[in-house]
Amino acid sequence: MIYLPIATQHIPPAIANTSQGRYAIMDGKWYEIGQTITLEFVRKHWKPKPIETNSIKTFAIKSSNGKEQYTVTVNGKYWQCNCPSWKNPCKHIGIAKAQIKE
């Protein structure tokens, strides 16, 4: 069941109906919800956190073919890449994480 309020920093919540069940997607996580919970209900109880601009870091990562350059952004524990990949995390995020460890 979903426990509200749930806070997120980036993407507004969404609901997905799958063969495995019904989920609210927030903060990059999937929360199982019942059939009676609506998107309006989830959004009403959604409490976004303010984004702390001093914790945002960006990385310029070249594509594997070297023709493109993508921007990887990290804000606390939230990672984003502007590449067209559907993988999460994409390889560019992996490269940026490796650079931080070095």
N, C-alpha and C. Protein backbone atom coordinates (compact mmCIF):
# COMPACT_ATOMS: atom_id res chain seq x y z
N MET A 1 0.83 -1.19 0.00
CA MET A 1 0.00 0.00 0.00
C MET A 1 0.87 1.25 0.00
N ILE A 2 0.34 2.33 -0.45
CA ILE A 2 1.08 3.59 -0.52
C ILE A 2 0.94 4.35 0.80
N TYR A 3 2.04 4.93 1.23
CA TYR A 3 2.04 5.75 2.43
C TYR A 3 2.27 7.19 2.01
N LEU A 4 1.38 8.08 2.36
CA LEU A 4 1.46 9.48 1.94
C LEU A 4 1.74 10.36 3.14
N PRO A 5 2.37 11.51 2.99
CA PRO A 5 2.89 12.06 1.75
C PRO A 5 4.25 11.46 1.39
N ILE A 6 4.50 11.39 0.10
CA ILE A 6 5.79 10.95 -0.42
C ILE A 6 6.40 12.13 -1.15
N ALA A 7 7.65 12.41 -0.88
CA ALA A 7 8.30 13.59 -1.48
C ALA A 7 9.20 13.17 -2.63
N THR A 8 9.30 14.04 -3.60
CA THR A 8 10.17 13.83 -4.74
C THR A 8 10.75 15.16 -5.16
N GLN A 9 11.83 15.14 -5.93
CA GLN A 9 12.44 16.39 -6.35
C GLN A 9 12.27 16.68 -7.82
N HIS A 10 12.03 15.70 -8.67
CA HIS A 10 12.10 15.95 -10.09
C HIS A 10 10.79 15.73 -10.85
N ILE A 11 10.39 14.51 -10.99
CA ILE A 11 9.29 14.18 -11.88
C ILE A 11 7.99 14.08 -11.10
N PRO A 12 6.93 14.75 -11.55
CA PRO A 12 5.64 14.60 -10.88
C PRO A 12 5.18 13.14 -10.92
N PRO A 13 4.36 12.75 -9.98
CA PRO A 13 3.95 11.35 -9.90
C PRO A 13 3.10 10.92 -11.10
N ALA A 14 3.13 9.62 -11.35
CA ALA A 14 2.33 9.01 -12.41
C ALA A 14 1.81 7.69 -11.88
N ILE A 15 0.81 7.13 -12.57
CA ILE A 15 0.27 5.82 -12.21
C ILE A 15 0.44 4.89 -13.39
N ALA A 16 0.87 3.65 -13.11
CA ALA A 16 1.03 2.63 -14.15
C ALA A 16 0.22 1.40 -13.78
N ASN A 17 -0.55 0.92 -14.74
CA ASN A 17 -1.27 -0.34 -14.59
C ASN A 17 -0.49 -1.41 -15.34
N THR A 18 -0.06 -2.45 -14.62
CA THR A 18 0.70 -3.53 -15.24
C THR A 18 0.01 -4.85 -14.97
N SER A 19 0.52 -5.89 -15.58
CA SER A 19 -0.04 -7.22 -15.32
C SER A 19 0.26 -7.68 -13.89
N GLN A 20 1.23 -7.04 -13.25
CA GLN A 20 1.60 -7.38 -11.88
C GLN A 20 0.82 -6.59 -10.83
N GLY A 21 0.15 -5.52 -11.26
CA GLY A 21 -0.60 -4.69 -10.32
C GLY A 21 -0.63 -3.24 -10.75
N ARG A 22 -1.05 -2.39 -9.84
CA ARG A 22 -1.19 -0.95 -10.09
C ARG A 22 -0.19 -0.21 -9.21
N TYR A 23 0.54 0.75 -9.82
CA TYR A 23 1.62 1.40 -9.10
C TYR A 23 1.58 2.92 -9.28
N ALA A 24 1.97 3.62 -8.22
CA ALA A 24 2.26 5.05 -8.31
C ALA A 24 3.77 5.14 -8.47
N ILE A 25 4.20 5.93 -9.47
CA ILE A 25 5.63 6.08 -9.73
C ILE A 25 6.03 7.47 -9.28
N MET A 26 6.90 7.52 -8.28
CA MET A 26 7.37 8.80 -7.73
C MET A 26 8.80 8.64 -7.28
N ASP A 27 9.58 9.66 -7.50
CA ASP A 27 10.94 9.69 -6.99
C ASP A 27 11.77 8.53 -7.53
N GLY A 28 11.44 8.09 -8.76
CA GLY A 28 12.15 6.97 -9.36
C GLY A 28 11.82 5.63 -8.75
N LYS A 29 10.80 5.56 -7.93
CA LYS A 29 10.42 4.31 -7.27
C LYS A 29 8.97 3.98 -7.61
N TRP A 30 8.65 2.70 -7.58
CA TRP A 30 7.29 2.23 -7.85
C TRP A 30 6.66 1.80 -6.53
N TYR A 31 5.47 2.35 -6.22
CA TYR A 31 4.77 2.03 -4.99
C TYR A 31 3.45 1.36 -5.36
N GLU A 32 3.25 0.14 -4.87
CA GLU A 32 2.02 -0.57 -5.18
C GLU A 32 0.84 0.15 -4.53
N ILE A 33 -0.23 0.35 -5.30
CA ILE A 33 -1.42 1.03 -4.80
C ILE A 33 -2.65 0.22 -5.16
N GLY A 34 -3.75 0.51 -4.52
CA GLY A 34 -5.01 -0.16 -4.80
C GLY A 34 -5.71 0.42 -6.02
N GLN A 35 -6.76 -0.24 -6.47
CA GLN A 35 -7.50 0.18 -7.65
C GLN A 35 -8.28 1.48 -7.44
N THR A 36 -8.55 1.84 -6.21
CA THR A 36 -9.38 3.03 -5.97
C THR A 36 -8.57 4.32 -5.89
N ILE A 37 -7.26 4.24 -5.79
CA ILE A 37 -6.44 5.45 -5.69
C ILE A 37 -6.27 6.05 -7.07
N THR A 38 -6.58 7.34 -7.19
CA THR A 38 -6.49 8.03 -8.47
C THR A 38 -5.22 8.87 -8.55
N LEU A 39 -4.87 9.26 -9.77
CA LEU A 39 -3.72 10.12 -9.95
C LEU A 39 -3.94 11.46 -9.26
N GLU A 40 -5.16 11.96 -9.30
CA GLU A 40 -5.48 13.22 -8.62
C GLU A 40 -5.22 13.11 -7.12
N PHE A 41 -5.58 11.96 -6.54
CA PHE A 41 -5.35 11.73 -5.11
C PHE A 41 -3.85 11.73 -4.80
N VAL A 42 -3.08 11.03 -5.63
CA VAL A 42 -1.63 10.96 -5.42
C VAL A 42 -1.02 12.35 -5.54
N ARG A 43 -1.41 13.09 -6.58
CA ARG A 43 -0.85 14.44 -6.79
C ARG A 43 -1.26 15.39 -5.67
N LYS A 44 -2.47 15.22 -5.13
CA LYS A 44 -2.93 16.08 -4.04
C LYS A 44 -2.07 15.89 -2.80
N HIS A 45 -1.60 14.68 -2.56
CA HIS A 45 -0.81 14.38 -1.37
C HIS A 45 0.69 14.39 -1.62
N TRP A 46 1.08 14.70 -2.85
CA TRP A 46 2.50 14.76 -3.21
C TRP A 46 3.10 16.02 -2.63
N LYS A 47 4.19 15.88 -1.90
CA LYS A 47 4.85 17.02 -1.26
C LYS A 47 6.27 17.14 -1.83
N PRO A 48 6.45 17.91 -2.90
CA PRO A 48 7.79 18.01 -3.48
C PRO A 48 8.76 18.70 -2.55
N LYS A 49 9.98 18.21 -2.56
CA LYS A 49 11.04 18.83 -1.77
C LYS A 49 11.65 19.97 -2.58
N PRO A 50 12.09 21.02 -1.93
CA PRO A 50 12.79 22.07 -2.67
C PRO A 50 14.13 21.56 -3.17
N ILE A 51 14.53 22.00 -4.34
CA ILE A 51 15.81 21.59 -4.90
C ILE A 51 16.90 22.51 -4.37
N GLU A 52 17.92 21.92 -3.79
CA GLU A 52 19.04 22.69 -3.27
C GLU A 52 20.04 22.87 -4.42
N THR A 53 20.13 24.06 -4.94
CA THR A 53 20.97 24.30 -6.10
C THR A 53 22.46 24.14 -5.81
N ASN A 54 22.87 24.27 -4.56
CA ASN A 54 24.29 24.13 -4.25
C ASN A 54 24.75 22.68 -4.29
N SER A 55 23.82 21.72 -4.31
CA SER A 55 24.22 20.32 -4.35
C SER A 55 24.17 19.74 -5.76
N ILE A 56 23.83 20.54 -6.77
CA ILE A 56 23.74 20.06 -8.14
C ILE A 56 25.12 20.08 -8.79
N LYS A 57 25.49 18.93 -9.38
CA LYS A 57 26.74 18.82 -10.12
C LYS A 57 26.41 18.33 -11.53
N THR A 58 27.17 18.80 -12.52
CA THR A 58 26.96 18.34 -13.89
C THR A 58 28.26 17.80 -14.46
N PHE A 59 28.12 16.85 -15.38
CA PHE A 59 29.25 16.22 -16.04
C PHE A 59 28.96 16.19 -17.54
N ALA A 60 29.96 16.48 -18.35
CA ALA A 60 29.86 16.36 -19.80
C ALA A 60 30.49 15.02 -20.16
N ILE A 61 29.68 14.10 -20.68
CA ILE A 61 30.14 12.75 -21.01
C ILE A 61 29.98 12.52 -22.51
N LYS A 62 31.05 12.11 -23.17
CA LYS A 62 30.98 11.83 -24.61
C LYS A 62 30.27 10.51 -24.85
N SER A 63 29.58 10.43 -25.99
CA SER A 63 28.93 9.19 -26.38
C SER A 63 29.99 8.17 -26.77
N SER A 64 29.58 6.91 -26.88
CA SER A 64 30.54 5.85 -27.20
C SER A 64 31.15 6.03 -28.59
N ASN A 65 30.42 6.66 -29.51
CA ASN A 65 30.99 6.88 -30.85
C ASN A 65 31.77 8.20 -30.92
N GLY A 66 31.74 8.99 -29.85
CA GLY A 66 32.48 10.23 -29.79
C GLY A 66 31.88 11.40 -30.54
N LYS A 67 30.72 11.19 -31.15
CA LYS A 67 30.10 12.25 -31.96
C LYS A 67 29.17 13.14 -31.14
N GLU A 68 28.64 12.62 -30.06
CA GLU A 68 27.69 13.36 -29.23
C GLU A 68 28.29 13.59 -27.85
N GLN A 69 27.72 14.54 -27.14
CA GLN A 69 28.09 14.77 -25.75
C GLN A 69 26.81 14.91 -24.96
N TYR A 70 26.72 14.21 -23.83
CA TYR A 70 25.53 14.23 -23.00
C TYR A 70 25.84 14.88 -21.66
N THR A 71 24.83 15.45 -21.06
CA THR A 71 24.98 16.08 -19.76
C THR A 71 24.36 15.19 -18.70
N VAL A 72 25.18 14.79 -17.75
CA VAL A 72 24.72 14.03 -16.59
C VAL A 72 24.64 15.00 -15.42
N THR A 73 23.51 15.01 -14.75
CA THR A 73 23.29 15.90 -13.61
C THR A 73 23.01 15.06 -12.37
N VAL A 74 23.64 15.43 -11.27
CA VAL A 74 23.38 14.76 -10.00
C VAL A 74 22.98 15.83 -8.99
N ASN A 75 21.90 15.55 -8.28
CA ASN A 75 21.42 16.41 -7.21
C ASN A 75 21.18 15.52 -6.01
N GLY A 76 22.15 15.48 -5.12
CA GLY A 76 22.04 14.58 -3.97
C GLY A 76 22.15 13.15 -4.46
N LYS A 77 21.08 12.36 -4.32
CA LYS A 77 21.10 10.97 -4.79
C LYS A 77 20.34 10.80 -6.10
N TYR A 78 19.88 11.88 -6.71
CA TYR A 78 19.09 11.83 -7.94
C TYR A 78 19.98 12.09 -9.15
N TRP A 79 20.01 11.14 -10.07
CA TRP A 79 20.84 11.22 -11.27
C TRP A 79 19.96 11.35 -12.50
N GLN A 80 20.40 12.16 -13.47
CA GLN A 80 19.70 12.35 -14.73
C GLN A 80 20.71 12.43 -15.85
N CYS A 81 20.32 11.98 -17.04
CA CYS A 81 21.15 12.12 -18.23
C CYS A 81 20.23 12.52 -19.37
N ASN A 82 20.71 13.39 -20.25
CA ASN A 82 19.86 13.83 -21.35
C ASN A 82 20.03 12.97 -22.60
N CYS A 83 20.63 11.79 -22.46
CA CYS A 83 20.78 10.89 -23.61
C CYS A 83 19.44 10.23 -23.93
N PRO A 84 19.31 9.64 -25.13
CA PRO A 84 18.04 9.03 -25.52
C PRO A 84 17.83 7.63 -24.96
N SER A 85 18.74 7.11 -24.16
CA SER A 85 18.64 5.75 -23.64
C SER A 85 17.46 5.60 -22.68
N TRP A 86 16.82 4.44 -22.74
CA TRP A 86 15.73 4.13 -21.80
C TRP A 86 16.25 3.41 -20.57
N LYS A 87 17.52 3.05 -20.59
CA LYS A 87 18.09 2.34 -19.44
C LYS A 87 18.26 3.31 -18.29
N ASN A 88 18.02 2.82 -17.10
CA ASN A 88 18.18 3.65 -15.92
C ASN A 88 18.91 2.84 -14.86
N PRO A 89 20.14 3.11 -14.55
CA PRO A 89 20.91 4.24 -15.06
C PRO A 89 21.53 3.89 -16.41
N CYS A 90 21.75 4.89 -17.22
CA CYS A 90 22.42 4.70 -18.51
C CYS A 90 23.92 4.61 -18.29
N LYS A 91 24.66 4.26 -19.34
CA LYS A 91 26.12 4.12 -19.19
C LYS A 91 26.80 5.44 -18.90
N HIS A 92 26.19 6.56 -19.31
CA HIS A 92 26.79 7.87 -19.05
C HIS A 92 26.77 8.20 -17.56
N ILE A 93 25.69 7.82 -16.91
CA ILE A 93 25.61 8.00 -15.45
C ILE A 93 26.67 7.14 -14.77
N GLY A 94 26.85 5.91 -15.26
CA GLY A 94 27.89 5.03 -14.72
C GLY A 94 29.28 5.63 -14.84
N ILE A 95 29.55 6.27 -15.98
CA ILE A 95 30.85 6.92 -16.19
C ILE A 95 31.02 8.08 -15.22
N ALA A 96 29.96 8.88 -15.04
CA ALA A 96 30.04 10.03 -14.11
C ALA A 96 30.25 9.54 -12.68
N LYS A 97 29.57 8.46 -12.28
CA LYS A 97 29.75 7.91 -10.94
C LYS A 97 31.18 7.43 -10.74
N ALA A 98 31.74 6.83 -11.77
CA ALA A 98 33.14 6.37 -11.69
C ALA A 98 34.09 7.55 -11.54
N GLN A 99 33.80 8.66 -12.22
CA GLN A 99 34.64 9.85 -12.10
C GLN A 99 34.61 10.41 -10.69
N ILE A 100 33.45 10.35 -10.04
CA ILE A 100 33.34 10.83 -8.66
C ILE A 100 34.18 9.97 -7.71
N LYS A 101 34.18 8.65 -7.94
CA LYS A 101 34.93 7.74 -7.07
C LYS A 101 36.42 7.93 -7.19
N GLU A 102 36.88 8.41 -8.36
CA GLU A 102 38.33 8.60 -8.58
C GLU A 102 38.83 9.73 -7.80
